[in-house]
Protein backbone atom coordinates (compact mmCIF):
# COMPACT_ATOMS: atom_id res chain seq x y z
CA MET A 1 28.15 -11.76 37.23
CA ASN A 2 25.40 -9.96 35.34
CA VAL A 3 26.20 -9.05 31.74
CA THR A 4 25.89 -5.31 31.12
CA ILE A 5 25.40 -3.14 28.05
CA LYS A 6 29.03 -2.08 28.47
CA ASP A 7 30.14 -5.74 28.19
CA ILE A 8 28.10 -6.26 25.02
CA ALA A 9 29.44 -3.04 23.48
CA ALA A 10 33.02 -4.15 24.15
CA ALA A 11 32.40 -7.58 22.62
CA ALA A 12 30.74 -6.06 19.56
CA GLY A 13 33.29 -3.28 19.15
CA ILE A 14 30.63 -0.56 19.06
CA SER A 15 29.43 2.17 21.37
CA ARG A 16 27.24 1.60 24.42
CA GLY A 17 24.74 4.02 22.92
CA THR A 18 24.30 1.82 19.86
CA VAL A 19 23.83 -1.28 22.00
CA ASP A 20 21.32 0.59 24.15
CA ARG A 21 19.31 1.59 21.07
CA VAL A 22 19.22 -1.99 19.81
CA LEU A 23 18.20 -3.54 23.14
CA HIS A 24 15.54 -0.89 23.66
CA ASN A 25 14.24 -1.31 20.10
CA ARG A 26 14.92 2.26 19.02
CA SER A 27 15.53 3.22 15.41
CA GLY A 28 18.74 4.46 13.83
CA VAL A 29 20.80 1.27 13.83
CA ASN A 30 21.81 -0.72 10.77
CA PRO A 31 19.71 -3.94 10.73
CA GLU A 32 22.83 -6.14 10.37
CA VAL A 33 24.48 -4.41 13.33
CA ALA A 34 21.29 -4.78 15.37
CA LYS A 35 21.11 -8.49 14.55
CA ARG A 36 24.76 -9.00 15.59
CA VAL A 37 24.18 -7.13 18.88
CA ARG A 38 21.21 -9.34 19.74
CA GLU A 39 23.17 -12.48 18.89
CA ILE A 40 26.06 -11.37 21.13
CA ALA A 41 23.63 -10.47 23.92
CA ASP A 42 22.04 -13.91 23.71
CA LYS A 43 25.40 -15.68 23.64
CA MET A 44 26.63 -13.72 26.67
CA GLY A 45 23.42 -14.44 28.58
CA PHE A 46 22.22 -10.87 28.86
CA VAL A 47 19.05 -10.61 30.97
CA PRO A 48 17.19 -7.27 30.91
CA ASN A 49 16.38 -5.71 34.24
CA LYS A 50 12.60 -5.89 34.00
CA ALA A 51 12.03 -4.05 37.27
CA GLY A 52 14.27 -1.25 36.10
CA LYS A 53 12.55 -1.22 32.74
CA ILE A 54 9.15 -0.81 34.38
CA LEU A 55 10.46 2.01 36.55
CA ALA A 56 11.88 3.67 33.47
CA ALA A 57 8.56 3.24 31.69
CA ARG A 58 6.89 5.29 34.42
CA LYS A 59 9.11 8.21 33.44
CA GLN A 60 8.46 8.17 29.71
CA LYS A 61 5.41 8.15 27.52
CA ILE A 62 4.60 4.88 25.75
CA THR A 63 2.10 5.42 22.96
CA PHE A 64 0.73 2.49 21.03
CA ALA A 65 -1.33 2.77 17.85
CA TYR A 66 -4.12 0.44 16.78
CA LEU A 67 -5.02 0.29 13.08
CA LEU A 68 -8.28 -1.47 12.20
CA PRO A 69 -11.02 -1.41 9.57
CA SER A 70 -13.78 1.18 9.91
CA SER A 71 -16.27 -1.40 8.60
CA ALA A 72 -17.67 -4.12 10.86
CA LYS A 73 -17.97 -1.45 13.53
CA PRO A 74 -20.24 -3.30 16.00
CA PHE A 75 -17.70 -6.12 16.20
CA PHE A 76 -14.68 -3.85 16.59
CA ASP A 77 -16.49 -1.83 19.25
CA GLU A 78 -16.00 -4.92 21.43
CA VAL A 79 -12.33 -5.18 20.45
CA LEU A 80 -11.84 -1.53 21.43
CA LYS A 81 -13.41 -2.18 24.83
CA GLY A 82 -10.55 -4.59 25.44
CA VAL A 83 -8.03 -2.03 24.22
CA ALA A 84 -9.48 0.52 26.66
CA ARG A 85 -9.27 -1.99 29.53
CA ALA A 86 -5.60 -2.70 28.81
CA GLU A 87 -4.84 1.01 28.45
CA LYS A 88 -6.42 1.70 31.86
CA GLU A 89 -4.46 -1.10 33.54
CA LEU A 90 -1.18 0.13 32.04
CA SER A 91 -1.78 3.85 32.57
CA ASP A 92 0.55 3.88 35.60
CA TYR A 93 3.38 2.99 33.21
CA GLY A 94 2.61 5.91 30.90
CA VAL A 95 0.83 3.78 28.28
CA THR A 96 -1.74 5.40 25.99
CA VAL A 97 -3.37 4.01 22.84
CA ASP A 98 -4.41 5.94 19.73
CA THR A 99 -6.94 4.32 17.40
CA HIS A 100 -6.79 4.77 13.63
CA PHE A 101 -9.02 3.31 10.92
CA PHE A 102 -8.66 1.97 7.41
CA LYS A 103 -11.52 3.40 5.35
CA ASP A 104 -11.62 0.50 2.87
CA PHE A 105 -10.00 -2.80 1.88
CA LYS A 106 -7.67 -1.43 -0.79
CA THR A 107 -4.03 -2.42 -0.36
CA GLU A 108 -2.82 1.10 -1.12
CA THR A 109 -5.06 2.52 1.63
CA HIS A 110 -3.61 0.14 4.19
CA ILE A 111 -0.02 0.87 3.17
CA LYS A 112 -0.65 4.62 3.38
CA GLU A 113 -1.99 4.33 6.93
CA ILE A 114 0.84 2.02 8.01
CA ASN A 115 3.38 4.51 6.65
CA LYS A 116 1.70 7.28 8.65
CA ILE A 117 2.23 5.22 11.79
CA ALA A 118 5.91 4.81 10.88
CA GLU A 119 6.29 8.58 10.70
CA SER A 120 4.38 9.37 13.90
CA GLY A 121 6.81 8.13 16.55
CA TYR A 122 4.64 5.40 18.06
CA THR A 123 6.19 2.88 20.44
CA GLY A 124 4.30 -0.09 19.01
CA LEU A 125 1.37 -1.09 16.81
CA CYS A 126 -1.57 -3.48 16.94
CA ILE A 127 -2.99 -4.04 13.48
CA THR A 128 -5.97 -5.70 11.81
CA SER A 129 -5.12 -5.57 8.13
CA LEU A 130 -4.88 -7.32 4.79
CA ASP A 131 -2.60 -10.28 4.17
CA THR A 132 -0.94 -9.15 0.95
CA PRO A 133 2.78 -9.04 0.06
CA GLU A 134 2.66 -5.23 -0.03
CA VAL A 135 1.17 -4.98 3.47
CA GLN A 136 3.60 -7.60 4.77
CA LEU A 137 6.50 -5.51 3.46
CA ALA A 138 5.14 -2.30 4.99
CA VAL A 139 4.79 -3.99 8.38
CA HIS A 140 8.27 -5.49 8.05
CA LYS A 141 9.72 -2.01 7.54
CA LEU A 142 8.08 -0.87 10.78
CA VAL A 143 9.64 -3.76 12.66
CA GLU A 144 13.06 -3.10 11.14
CA ASN A 145 12.77 0.48 12.38
CA GLY A 146 12.22 -0.69 15.96
CA ILE A 147 8.41 -0.54 16.11
CA PRO A 148 7.04 -3.89 17.37
CA VAL A 149 3.81 -5.05 15.73
CA VAL A 150 1.10 -7.44 16.93
CA SER A 151 -1.52 -8.80 14.50
CA VAL A 152 -4.94 -8.76 16.15
CA ASN A 153 -8.12 -10.52 14.97
CA THR A 154 -6.68 -11.57 11.61
CA ASP A 155 -3.05 -12.44 11.00
CA VAL A 156 -0.42 -10.89 8.73
CA PRO A 157 2.29 -13.57 8.90
CA ASP A 158 5.65 -13.30 7.13
CA SER A 159 5.74 -9.65 8.15
CA GLY A 160 8.03 -9.71 11.18
CA ARG A 161 5.13 -9.17 13.59
CA ILE A 162 5.95 -10.45 17.07
CA CYS A 163 2.79 -12.53 17.49
CA TYR A 164 -0.85 -12.99 16.53
CA VAL A 165 -3.78 -12.49 18.91
CA GLY A 166 -7.14 -13.77 17.72
CA THR A 167 -9.27 -16.74 16.84
CA ASP A 168 -8.34 -19.93 14.99
CA TYR A 169 -10.34 -19.29 11.81
CA LEU A 170 -9.81 -22.76 10.37
CA ARG A 171 -11.25 -24.28 13.53
CA ALA A 172 -14.14 -21.82 13.43
CA GLY A 173 -14.91 -22.81 9.84
CA LYS A 174 -14.79 -26.50 10.68
CA THR A 175 -17.03 -25.89 13.70
CA ALA A 176 -19.51 -24.14 11.42
CA ALA A 177 -19.42 -27.15 9.08
CA GLY A 178 -20.36 -29.45 11.93
CA MET A 179 -23.26 -27.20 12.91
CA ALA A 180 -24.43 -26.86 9.30
CA ASN A 181 -24.47 -30.63 8.96
CA PHE A 182 -26.81 -30.80 11.95
CA THR A 183 -29.10 -27.96 10.87
CA THR A 184 -29.53 -28.43 7.10
CA ASP A 185 -31.35 -31.28 5.39
CA GLY A 186 -30.05 -32.71 2.11
CA ASN A 187 -27.29 -31.35 -0.09
CA LEU A 188 -25.88 -27.90 0.59
CA ASN A 189 -25.97 -25.29 -2.17
CA ILE A 190 -23.72 -22.61 -0.72
CA LEU A 191 -23.21 -18.93 -1.40
CA PHE A 192 -20.05 -17.65 0.28
CA ILE A 193 -20.01 -13.95 1.20
CA THR A 194 -16.62 -12.66 2.34
CA GLY A 195 -15.66 -9.19 3.48
CA SER A 196 -12.45 -9.03 1.44
CA TYR A 197 -10.57 -11.62 -0.57
CA ASN A 198 -7.39 -10.29 1.09
CA ILE A 199 -8.45 -10.83 4.72
CA ARG A 200 -6.68 -13.97 5.85
CA GLY A 201 -9.24 -14.82 8.51
CA HIS A 202 -12.15 -14.71 6.06
CA LYS A 203 -10.35 -17.04 3.65
CA GLU A 204 -9.48 -19.45 6.46
CA ARG A 205 -13.09 -19.59 7.66
CA ILE A 206 -14.22 -20.61 4.17
CA LYS A 207 -11.39 -23.12 3.84
CA GLY A 208 -12.18 -24.61 7.25
CA PHE A 209 -15.87 -24.87 6.35
CA THR A 210 -15.30 -26.78 3.11
CA GLU A 211 -12.67 -29.01 4.75
CA GLY A 212 -15.11 -29.72 7.55
CA LEU A 213 -17.85 -30.65 5.10
CA ASP A 214 -15.45 -32.89 3.18
CA SER A 215 -14.35 -34.67 6.37
CA ARG A 216 -18.01 -35.44 7.13
CA SER A 217 -18.71 -36.54 3.53
CA VAL A 218 -21.40 -33.87 3.24
CA LYS A 219 -22.52 -33.31 -0.34
CA TYR A 220 -22.38 -29.66 -1.32
CA THR A 221 -22.12 -27.31 -4.27
CA VAL A 222 -20.51 -23.87 -4.11
CA ILE A 223 -22.72 -21.51 -6.12
CA ASP A 224 -20.25 -18.63 -5.87
CA THR A 225 -17.90 -16.71 -3.58
CA ILE A 226 -18.47 -12.95 -3.55
CA GLU A 227 -16.88 -9.96 -1.86
CA ALA A 228 -19.17 -7.57 0.06
CA GLN A 229 -16.67 -5.31 1.91
CA ASP A 230 -18.16 -6.17 5.34
CA ASP A 231 -21.04 -3.87 4.38
CA ASP A 232 -24.70 -4.63 5.17
CA GLU A 233 -26.09 -2.79 2.15
CA CYS A 234 -23.73 -4.55 -0.24
CA SER A 235 -24.52 -7.90 1.41
CA TYR A 236 -28.24 -7.18 1.04
CA GLN A 237 -27.98 -6.35 -2.67
CA LYS A 238 -25.79 -9.36 -3.44
CA SER A 239 -28.10 -11.69 -1.49
CA VAL A 240 -31.18 -10.45 -3.34
CA GLU A 241 -29.39 -10.91 -6.65
CA TYR A 242 -28.15 -14.43 -5.96
CA LEU A 243 -31.25 -15.73 -4.18
CA THR A 244 -33.38 -14.50 -7.08
CA LYS A 245 -31.14 -16.03 -9.76
CA ASN A 246 -30.40 -19.22 -7.81
CA PRO A 247 -33.51 -20.47 -5.97
CA ASP A 248 -31.64 -23.67 -5.08
CA ILE A 249 -29.38 -21.81 -2.63
CA ASN A 250 -30.11 -23.20 0.84
CA CYS A 251 -27.00 -22.05 2.70
CA ILE A 252 -25.33 -18.64 2.91
CA PHE A 253 -21.95 -18.57 4.65
CA ILE A 254 -20.95 -15.07 5.83
CA ALA A 255 -17.20 -15.10 6.43
CA GLY A 256 -17.09 -11.55 7.81
CA SER A 257 -19.74 -8.95 8.58
CA GLY A 258 -22.93 -8.22 6.64
CA CYS A 259 -25.36 -10.58 8.36
CA ALA A 260 -28.03 -7.90 8.79
CA GLY A 261 -28.09 -7.30 5.04
CA VAL A 262 -28.38 -11.02 4.27
CA CYS A 263 -31.22 -11.50 6.75
CA ARG A 264 -33.05 -8.48 5.38
CA ALA A 265 -32.91 -10.01 1.90
CA MET A 266 -34.18 -13.35 3.21
CA ASN A 267 -37.14 -11.69 4.91
CA GLU A 268 -38.06 -9.65 1.85
CA LEU A 269 -37.86 -12.70 -0.44
CA ASN A 270 -39.54 -14.96 2.13
CA ARG A 271 -36.56 -17.33 1.99
CA LYS A 272 -36.51 -18.41 5.61
CA ASP A 273 -35.59 -21.89 4.38
CA VAL A 274 -32.00 -20.72 3.84
CA ASN A 275 -29.56 -21.69 6.59
CA VAL A 276 -27.34 -18.67 7.32
CA ILE A 277 -23.91 -19.39 8.79
CA ALA A 278 -22.82 -16.31 10.75
CA PHE A 279 -20.09 -15.40 13.22
CA ASP A 280 -19.81 -13.20 16.31
CA GLU A 281 -22.37 -11.71 18.65
CA VAL A 282 -23.11 -8.25 17.30
CA PRO A 283 -26.58 -6.75 17.99
CA ALA A 284 -28.03 -7.66 14.56
CA ILE A 285 -27.02 -11.31 14.96
CA LYS A 286 -28.54 -11.46 18.44
CA GLU A 287 -31.77 -9.98 17.07
CA TYR A 288 -32.04 -12.54 14.28
CA MET A 289 -31.08 -15.36 16.64
CA HIS A 290 -33.97 -14.50 18.96
CA SER A 291 -36.34 -14.15 16.01
CA GLY A 292 -35.42 -17.66 14.90
CA LEU A 293 -33.99 -16.69 11.52
CA LEU A 294 -30.48 -17.72 12.59
CA LYS A 295 -29.97 -21.12 14.20
CA PHE A 296 -26.53 -20.45 15.67
CA THR A 297 -23.48 -18.19 15.59
CA ILE A 298 -19.81 -18.72 16.49
CA GLY A 299 -18.06 -16.21 18.76
CA GLN A 300 -14.37 -15.40 19.16
CA GLU A 301 -13.98 -13.25 22.31
CA PRO A 302 -13.31 -9.87 20.64
CA GLU A 303 -12.89 -7.92 23.89
CA LEU A 304 -10.14 -10.30 24.98
CA GLN A 305 -8.44 -9.92 21.61
CA GLY A 306 -8.17 -6.15 22.03
CA TYR A 307 -6.96 -6.51 25.60
CA MET A 308 -4.32 -9.15 24.91
CA GLY A 309 -3.00 -7.35 21.83
CA ILE A 310 -1.98 -4.33 23.91
CA GLN A 311 -0.73 -6.49 26.78
CA ARG A 312 1.49 -8.52 24.43
CA LEU A 313 3.00 -5.32 23.01
CA PHE A 314 3.75 -4.00 26.50
CA SER A 315 5.21 -7.30 27.73
CA TRP A 316 7.46 -7.51 24.69
CA LEU A 317 8.80 -4.03 25.41
CA MET A 318 9.41 -4.89 29.06
CA GLU A 319 11.38 -7.96 28.00
CA GLU A 320 13.27 -5.83 25.46
CA GLY A 321 12.44 -8.40 22.80
CA LYS A 322 14.49 -11.05 24.55
CA ARG A 323 11.63 -13.50 24.87
CA THR A 324 9.72 -14.85 21.88
CA SER A 325 6.07 -13.91 22.17
CA SER A 326 3.75 -16.81 21.35
CA ASP A 327 0.40 -16.42 19.63
CA TYR A 328 -2.67 -15.99 21.82
CA ILE A 329 -5.65 -17.90 20.42
CA THR A 330 -9.10 -17.03 21.72
CA GLN A 331 -11.88 -19.58 22.11
CA THR A 332 -14.24 -20.74 19.38
CA ILE A 333 -17.65 -20.52 21.07
CA ILE A 334 -20.92 -21.89 19.69
CA LYS A 335 -23.92 -19.76 20.61
CA ILE A 336 -27.55 -20.72 20.13
CA GLN A 337 -30.73 -18.91 21.09
CA GLU A 338 -30.65 -20.31 24.61
CA ASN A 339 -27.15 -19.15 25.56
CA ILE A 340 -26.67 -15.88 23.67
CA ALA A 341 -27.09 -12.64 25.60
CA GLU A 342 -29.99 -10.32 24.86
């Protein structure tokens, strides 16, 4: 016999309304009570009626939010194409997606925007944010209040998010190390340029790169690691400064965005001997690939990331949180001049 909400309510000694709120991930229930209800539901073998849930979804509005940085716009334009594709596919179920942007990489800015989402009545959230204890706590509060969260593009673990959708940054960094070993002669004198010290993916790319070099016994020296806010102008100014002061630099590793600024500096200083390690397939990177200034880039399927983030949120709601949602890792793709699109 199928276990019903009424059965769970009787076993828990609480009202059916409270059980219904817990199993449908609505707010207003004490977290300890909610945890006990889910444990009882699991023990009794409760299986949500997915067909009924989908029919119910057609009768109510499901509005997801997506919070992402306003910088690195060409890259996130591709992510948002995937979001739009998912939104279109799920429109019959009343799903819409609102996009919001972080204006900078300050922790307080991210917390402020996350708190706005908490107060706006959204059904779920996809987020590309900082990996700091403060942001983790803010996300955890959303989840405790019944708003499921999916990390997209860069992870915010230890936050209660239901899963991560994006690339394996450590693998991407190690892949870049292998390519750098093939395309640079002699010892590497490396300048690392990251978007933000608090973006987990950027840190993992750098870690993967150095681990990859170590595993290949490549001799290298790290000149410095600098933060450029994913901004081309900042990347340009920093590159000019460091290339002028450190003529021995022969490798610049760009962990985030800012490749156009780095390449502009190289052209102006006539430093085409520098091997630039870049990621993704934004227009500026394609341009410099075809000009020969960049030897390769490493893609991560951004459109698929946006698409799967929304799909994972929707699937989790349809399962009423009964099924653990696994991470979805996109491919690490090496692109050279011959196989990158115009």
